[in-house]
Amino acid sequence: MKIAYLGPERTFTEKAARDLFQEGELVPLVHIRKVIQAVENGETEFGVIPFENYHNGKVIHTLDALSRYAAKARLIREKAFRIVHCIGALPNHREINNVFSKDQALEQCDEYLADNYPSATPVAVSSTSEAARRIAEEKLLNAAAISSEESLVSSGLEVMAKDICPNNLTRFIVLGRSPTRPTEDDKTFLAIHPPRMDEAGVLYGCLGFPAAYKVNLDDLLPRPDRRGGYYFYTEMSGHEQEPRIQRVLGDIKYFLDPENKSPDAVKVFGSYPNTHWKDTKR
């Protein structure tokens, strides 16, 4: 069994993948789209990618890649993990002028950086482990990296501070090709894609159907579709195989596309058991 994950090694996604899959070969891939495509094409049985952070919300790259590349690949499981960001530099470092990390880690730690390194320039790189590796290999004495403690130490950096973004959780999703069966507590992730955005009340009309069936929507996040319109991503309480969810999806589809000319007016990415991951923060 092969499991693709957003690499490289020694990242938080690798830790999540190892926790989720005790057996099997982990395959690090450098882009979220590559992980989705690996599952889509049957190169790996499963994939693990970041989905949402407690502090800065859904991972935009994941949403965009799902819309563009996922057809057979389905969301089948979610799990949140505590993320402990640390900051480190070379033992003989000088004044810190640049801080390297993945863009999302920089955003999550922006308060710490503003308080402790207000003059330093954030530099986004491909991963948190890449930030540590780059400083070590290039001997950047005026730079620091935000990464896991393990990644900093393995790259020979000195850990200057730990847990610089307290109470931090990231939710990861597992991709597979086989749909899940309903439990008594599920969620369905989907995108609503109105064929025409210039019609007054189109989004308001869509949202009336879940309310009519007493189906909760966790959020609603718009993203451009690169064709002048928008995808509206949402998580819906319930499983896509439940009759009431099928009615909601069918009603939204008919409302948006009564002539059935837009196959992606409603796109379901999968259903999975609800872990109530944010409850751990209360």
Protein backbone atom coordinates (compact mmCIF):
# COMPACT_ATOMS: atom_id res chain seq x y z
CA MET A 1 0.00 0.00 0.00
CA LYS A 2 1.30 3.43 -0.98
CA ILE A 3 0.30 6.72 0.61
CA ALA A 4 1.20 10.00 -1.08
CA TYR A 5 1.61 13.07 1.08
CA LEU A 6 2.65 16.69 0.66
CA GLY A 7 6.41 16.55 1.14
CA PRO A 8 9.26 16.82 1.56
CA GLU A 9 10.22 14.67 4.53
CA ARG A 10 10.29 15.99 8.11
CA THR A 11 7.21 18.14 7.57
CA PHE A 12 4.05 18.28 9.64
CA THR A 13 2.17 16.55 6.83
CA GLU A 14 4.58 13.61 7.01
CA LYS A 15 3.92 13.35 10.76
CA ALA A 16 0.19 13.33 10.08
CA ALA A 17 0.55 10.68 7.38
CA ARG A 18 2.58 8.43 9.68
CA ASP A 19 -0.04 8.76 12.39
CA LEU A 20 -2.91 8.07 10.01
CA PHE A 21 -1.21 5.08 8.35
CA GLN A 22 0.75 2.81 10.64
CA GLU A 23 1.62 0.55 7.71
CA GLY A 24 2.40 1.21 4.07
CA GLU A 25 4.95 3.12 2.03
CA LEU A 26 4.84 6.90 2.37
CA VAL A 27 5.53 8.76 -0.87
CA PRO A 28 6.48 12.46 -0.49
CA LEU A 29 5.36 14.71 -3.36
CA VAL A 30 6.20 18.38 -3.67
CA HIS A 31 2.81 19.81 -4.69
CA ILE A 32 -0.72 19.28 -3.40
CA ARG A 33 -1.89 18.74 -6.97
CA LYS A 34 0.64 15.91 -7.34
CA VAL A 35 -0.81 14.15 -4.30
CA ILE A 36 -4.33 14.45 -5.71
CA GLN A 37 -3.20 13.24 -9.12
CA ALA A 38 -1.39 10.25 -7.60
CA VAL A 39 -4.64 9.08 -6.02
CA GLU A 40 -6.66 10.07 -9.07
CA ASN A 41 -4.48 7.99 -11.39
CA GLY A 42 -4.18 5.02 -9.04
CA GLU A 43 -0.44 5.50 -8.49
CA THR A 44 -1.10 5.45 -4.73
CA GLU A 45 -4.04 4.10 -2.77
CA PHE A 46 -4.34 7.14 -0.52
CA GLY A 47 -3.14 10.71 -0.16
CA VAL A 48 -2.72 13.06 2.80
CA ILE A 49 -2.84 16.85 2.42
CA PRO A 50 -3.47 19.81 4.74
CA PHE A 51 -7.03 21.09 4.67
CA GLU A 52 -7.56 23.74 7.33
CA ASN A 53 -5.72 25.54 10.09
CA TYR A 54 -7.44 26.71 13.25
CA HIS A 55 -5.97 30.20 12.95
CA ASN A 56 -5.92 31.00 9.24
CA GLY A 57 -8.66 28.82 7.81
CA LYS A 58 -8.89 26.59 4.75
CA VAL A 59 -5.76 25.87 2.71
CA ILE A 60 -6.40 27.73 -0.54
CA HIS A 61 -4.00 25.58 -2.57
CA THR A 62 -5.93 22.48 -1.51
CA LEU A 63 -9.28 23.92 -2.56
CA ASP A 64 -8.02 25.06 -5.95
CA ALA A 65 -6.27 21.75 -6.64
CA LEU A 66 -9.35 19.72 -5.69
CA SER A 67 -11.49 21.65 -8.17
CA ARG A 68 -8.99 21.26 -10.99
CA TYR A 69 -7.77 17.69 -10.52
CA ALA A 70 -10.12 15.62 -8.32
CA ALA A 71 -12.71 13.43 -10.03
CA LYS A 72 -12.15 9.86 -8.83
CA ALA A 73 -10.16 10.99 -5.77
CA ARG A 74 -12.52 11.49 -2.83
CA LEU A 75 -12.23 12.92 0.66
CA ILE A 76 -12.72 9.96 3.00
CA ARG A 77 -11.32 10.97 6.38
CA GLU A 78 -10.28 13.99 8.43
CA LYS A 79 -8.04 14.32 11.45
CA ALA A 80 -6.56 17.31 13.27
CA PHE A 81 -3.08 17.42 14.76
CA ARG A 82 -1.41 19.85 17.09
CA ILE A 83 1.21 21.88 15.25
CA VAL A 84 4.16 23.12 17.33
CA HIS A 85 6.07 25.75 15.42
CA CYS A 86 9.60 26.53 16.61
CA ILE A 87 12.09 29.11 15.39
CA GLY A 88 15.77 28.40 14.97
CA ALA A 89 18.97 29.70 13.42
CA LEU A 90 22.59 28.69 13.03
CA PRO A 91 24.42 28.52 16.39
CA ASN A 92 26.70 31.41 15.41
CA HIS A 93 23.91 33.48 13.86
CA ARG A 94 23.90 37.26 13.75
CA GLU A 95 21.01 39.71 13.77
CA ILE A 96 17.97 38.08 12.15
CA ASN A 97 16.97 39.96 9.01
CA ASN A 98 14.95 37.23 7.26
CA VAL A 99 12.64 34.49 8.53
CA PHE A 100 12.10 31.52 6.21
CA SER A 101 9.14 29.14 6.31
CA LYS A 102 6.11 27.96 4.39
CA ASP A 103 3.64 30.77 3.74
CA GLN A 104 0.98 29.35 6.05
CA ALA A 105 3.43 28.92 8.92
CA LEU A 106 4.54 32.54 8.50
CA GLU A 107 0.91 33.65 8.66
CA GLN A 108 0.21 31.54 11.75
CA CYS A 109 3.25 32.99 13.53
CA ASP A 110 2.81 36.59 12.42
CA GLU A 111 2.01 37.84 15.92
CA TYR A 112 5.19 36.29 17.34
CA LEU A 113 7.28 37.71 14.51
CA ALA A 114 5.76 41.18 14.93
CA ASP A 115 6.60 41.15 18.65
CA ASN A 116 10.07 39.59 18.43
CA TYR A 117 11.42 40.29 14.94
CA PRO A 118 9.54 43.36 13.74
CA SER A 119 12.22 44.33 11.21
CA ALA A 120 12.75 40.86 9.75
CA THR A 121 11.41 40.06 6.28
CA PRO A 122 9.27 36.91 5.97
CA VAL A 123 10.47 34.68 3.13
CA ALA A 124 8.08 31.98 1.90
CA VAL A 125 9.60 28.68 0.74
CA SER A 126 8.09 25.34 -0.30
CA SER A 127 7.95 23.78 3.18
CA THR A 128 8.98 24.30 6.79
CA SER A 129 11.69 21.66 6.48
CA GLU A 130 13.00 23.36 3.33
CA ALA A 131 13.39 26.56 5.37
CA ALA A 132 15.69 24.85 7.87
CA ARG A 133 17.61 23.01 5.17
CA ARG A 134 18.21 26.14 3.14
CA ILE A 135 19.60 28.12 6.06
CA ALA A 136 21.95 25.27 6.95
CA GLU A 137 23.17 24.59 3.42
CA GLU A 138 23.59 28.22 2.43
CA LYS A 139 25.00 29.18 5.87
CA LEU A 140 22.63 32.11 6.21
CA LEU A 141 23.81 33.77 9.42
CA ASN A 142 21.21 36.55 9.26
CA ALA A 143 18.22 34.25 8.81
CA ALA A 144 15.94 32.10 10.96
CA ALA A 145 13.57 29.28 10.08
CA ILE A 146 10.14 28.42 11.43
CA SER A 147 9.78 24.64 11.45
CA SER A 148 9.35 21.69 13.76
CA GLU A 149 11.94 21.16 16.47
CA GLU A 150 12.94 17.89 14.82
CA SER A 151 13.55 19.57 11.48
CA LEU A 152 15.57 22.41 13.01
CA VAL A 153 17.78 20.09 15.04
CA SER A 154 18.34 17.64 12.18
CA SER A 155 19.54 20.56 10.02
CA GLY A 156 21.98 21.68 12.71
CA LEU A 157 20.10 24.79 13.74
CA GLU A 158 19.76 26.12 17.27
CA VAL A 159 16.21 26.23 18.61
CA MET A 160 15.64 29.78 19.87
CA ALA A 161 11.98 29.48 20.89
CA LYS A 162 9.36 26.73 20.95
CA ASP A 163 5.61 26.72 20.35
CA ILE A 164 5.58 30.26 18.96
CA CYS A 165 1.95 29.90 17.81
CA PRO A 166 0.20 28.42 20.85
CA ASN A 167 -2.95 26.31 20.62
CA ASN A 168 -2.39 25.58 16.95
CA LEU A 169 -4.25 22.81 15.11
CA THR A 170 -4.19 21.79 11.47
CA ARG A 171 -6.79 19.48 10.00
CA PHE A 172 -5.54 17.04 7.38
CA ILE A 173 -7.67 15.09 4.94
CA VAL A 174 -7.20 11.62 3.52
CA LEU A 175 -7.95 11.06 -0.15
CA GLY A 176 -9.02 7.70 -1.53
CA ARG A 177 -10.92 6.31 -4.50
CA SER A 178 -13.65 4.37 -2.69
CA PRO A 179 -16.61 6.32 -1.23
CA THR A 180 -17.33 6.03 2.48
CA ARG A 181 -20.45 4.61 4.04
CA PRO A 182 -22.70 6.82 6.14
CA THR A 183 -22.30 6.92 9.89
CA GLU A 184 -24.58 8.77 12.23
CA ASP A 185 -22.35 11.84 12.14
CA ASP A 186 -20.77 12.83 8.81
CA LYS A 187 -19.82 15.87 6.76
CA THR A 188 -19.84 16.43 3.02
CA PHE A 189 -17.46 18.81 1.29
CA LEU A 190 -18.64 20.39 -1.93
CA ALA A 191 -18.36 23.37 -4.23
CA ILE A 192 -21.31 25.38 -5.53
CA HIS A 193 -20.46 26.85 -8.93
CA PRO A 194 -23.17 29.16 -10.33
CA PRO A 195 -23.02 29.19 -14.15
CA ARG A 196 -24.01 32.87 -14.08
CA MET A 197 -23.00 35.23 -11.28
CA ASP A 198 -24.87 38.23 -12.69
CA GLU A 199 -28.27 36.88 -11.66
CA ALA A 200 -29.59 38.66 -8.59
CA GLY A 201 -30.05 36.39 -5.58
CA VAL A 202 -28.35 33.33 -7.06
CA LEU A 203 -26.28 32.56 -3.98
CA TYR A 204 -29.12 33.47 -1.63
CA GLY A 205 -31.34 31.03 -3.50
CA CYS A 206 -28.81 28.21 -3.12
CA LEU A 207 -28.54 28.67 0.62
CA GLY A 208 -32.28 28.36 1.13
CA PHE A 209 -32.30 24.64 0.34
CA PRO A 210 -30.02 23.48 3.19
CA ALA A 211 -32.02 25.63 5.59
CA ALA A 212 -35.28 24.09 4.40
CA TYR A 213 -33.98 20.59 5.20
CA LYS A 214 -32.32 21.73 8.45
CA VAL A 215 -28.85 20.98 7.11
CA ASN A 216 -26.06 23.04 8.61
CA LEU A 217 -23.29 24.65 6.56
CA ASP A 218 -20.03 25.12 8.45
CA ASP A 219 -18.72 27.90 6.24
CA LEU A 220 -18.82 29.36 2.74
CA LEU A 221 -15.57 30.31 1.05
CA PRO A 222 -15.45 31.85 -2.46
CA ARG A 223 -12.59 31.22 -4.87
CA PRO A 224 -12.30 32.45 -8.47
CA ASP A 225 -12.79 29.79 -11.14
CA ARG A 226 -10.39 31.49 -13.62
CA ARG A 227 -13.31 32.01 -16.00
CA GLY A 228 -14.84 35.10 -14.43
CA GLY A 229 -16.97 33.22 -11.92
CA TYR A 230 -16.58 31.71 -8.47
CA TYR A 231 -16.61 28.40 -6.68
CA PHE A 232 -18.24 28.56 -3.25
CA TYR A 233 -16.78 25.86 -1.02
CA THR A 234 -18.72 24.60 1.97
CA GLU A 235 -18.96 21.70 4.39
CA MET A 236 -22.45 20.38 4.91
CA SER A 237 -23.60 18.34 7.88
CA GLY A 238 -24.60 14.86 6.71
CA HIS A 239 -23.47 12.21 4.25
CA GLU A 240 -23.98 12.52 0.49
CA GLN A 241 -25.83 9.17 0.46
CA GLU A 242 -28.45 10.36 2.97
CA PRO A 243 -31.82 11.08 1.31
CA ARG A 244 -32.07 14.59 2.76
CA ILE A 245 -28.56 15.50 1.55
CA GLN A 246 -29.35 14.10 -1.88
CA ARG A 247 -32.47 16.28 -1.96
CA VAL A 248 -30.47 19.37 -0.98
CA LEU A 249 -27.83 18.70 -3.61
CA GLY A 250 -30.44 17.95 -6.24
CA ASP A 251 -32.42 21.10 -5.49
CA ILE A 252 -29.32 23.31 -5.65
CA LYS A 253 -28.27 21.67 -8.91
CA TYR A 254 -31.70 22.19 -10.49
CA PHE A 255 -31.91 25.77 -9.24
CA LEU A 256 -28.54 26.61 -10.80
CA ASP A 257 -28.76 24.47 -13.91
CA PRO A 258 -32.35 23.50 -14.83
CA GLU A 259 -31.31 22.52 -18.37
CA ASN A 260 -28.41 20.38 -17.13
CA LYS A 261 -25.80 22.20 -19.19
CA SER A 262 -23.24 22.80 -16.41
CA PRO A 263 -21.90 19.50 -14.99
CA ASP A 264 -19.87 21.25 -12.27
CA ALA A 265 -22.67 23.49 -10.95
CA VAL A 266 -22.50 21.34 -7.83
CA LYS A 267 -19.34 19.31 -7.26
CA VAL A 268 -19.15 16.91 -4.31
CA PHE A 269 -15.63 16.01 -3.19
CA GLY A 270 -16.60 13.37 -0.66
CA SER A 271 -18.18 12.55 2.69
CA TYR A 272 -16.36 11.54 5.86
CA PRO A 273 -16.98 11.04 9.58
CA ASN A 274 -17.17 14.27 11.54
CA THR A 275 -14.36 14.44 14.12
CA HIS A 276 -15.56 17.74 15.64
CA TRP A 277 -11.91 18.78 15.55
CA LYS A 278 -12.48 22.33 16.76
CA ASP A 279 -14.13 21.11 19.96
CA THR A 280 -10.69 20.42 21.41
CA LYS A 281 -10.09 24.18 21.49
CA ARG A 282 -13.07 24.93 23.70
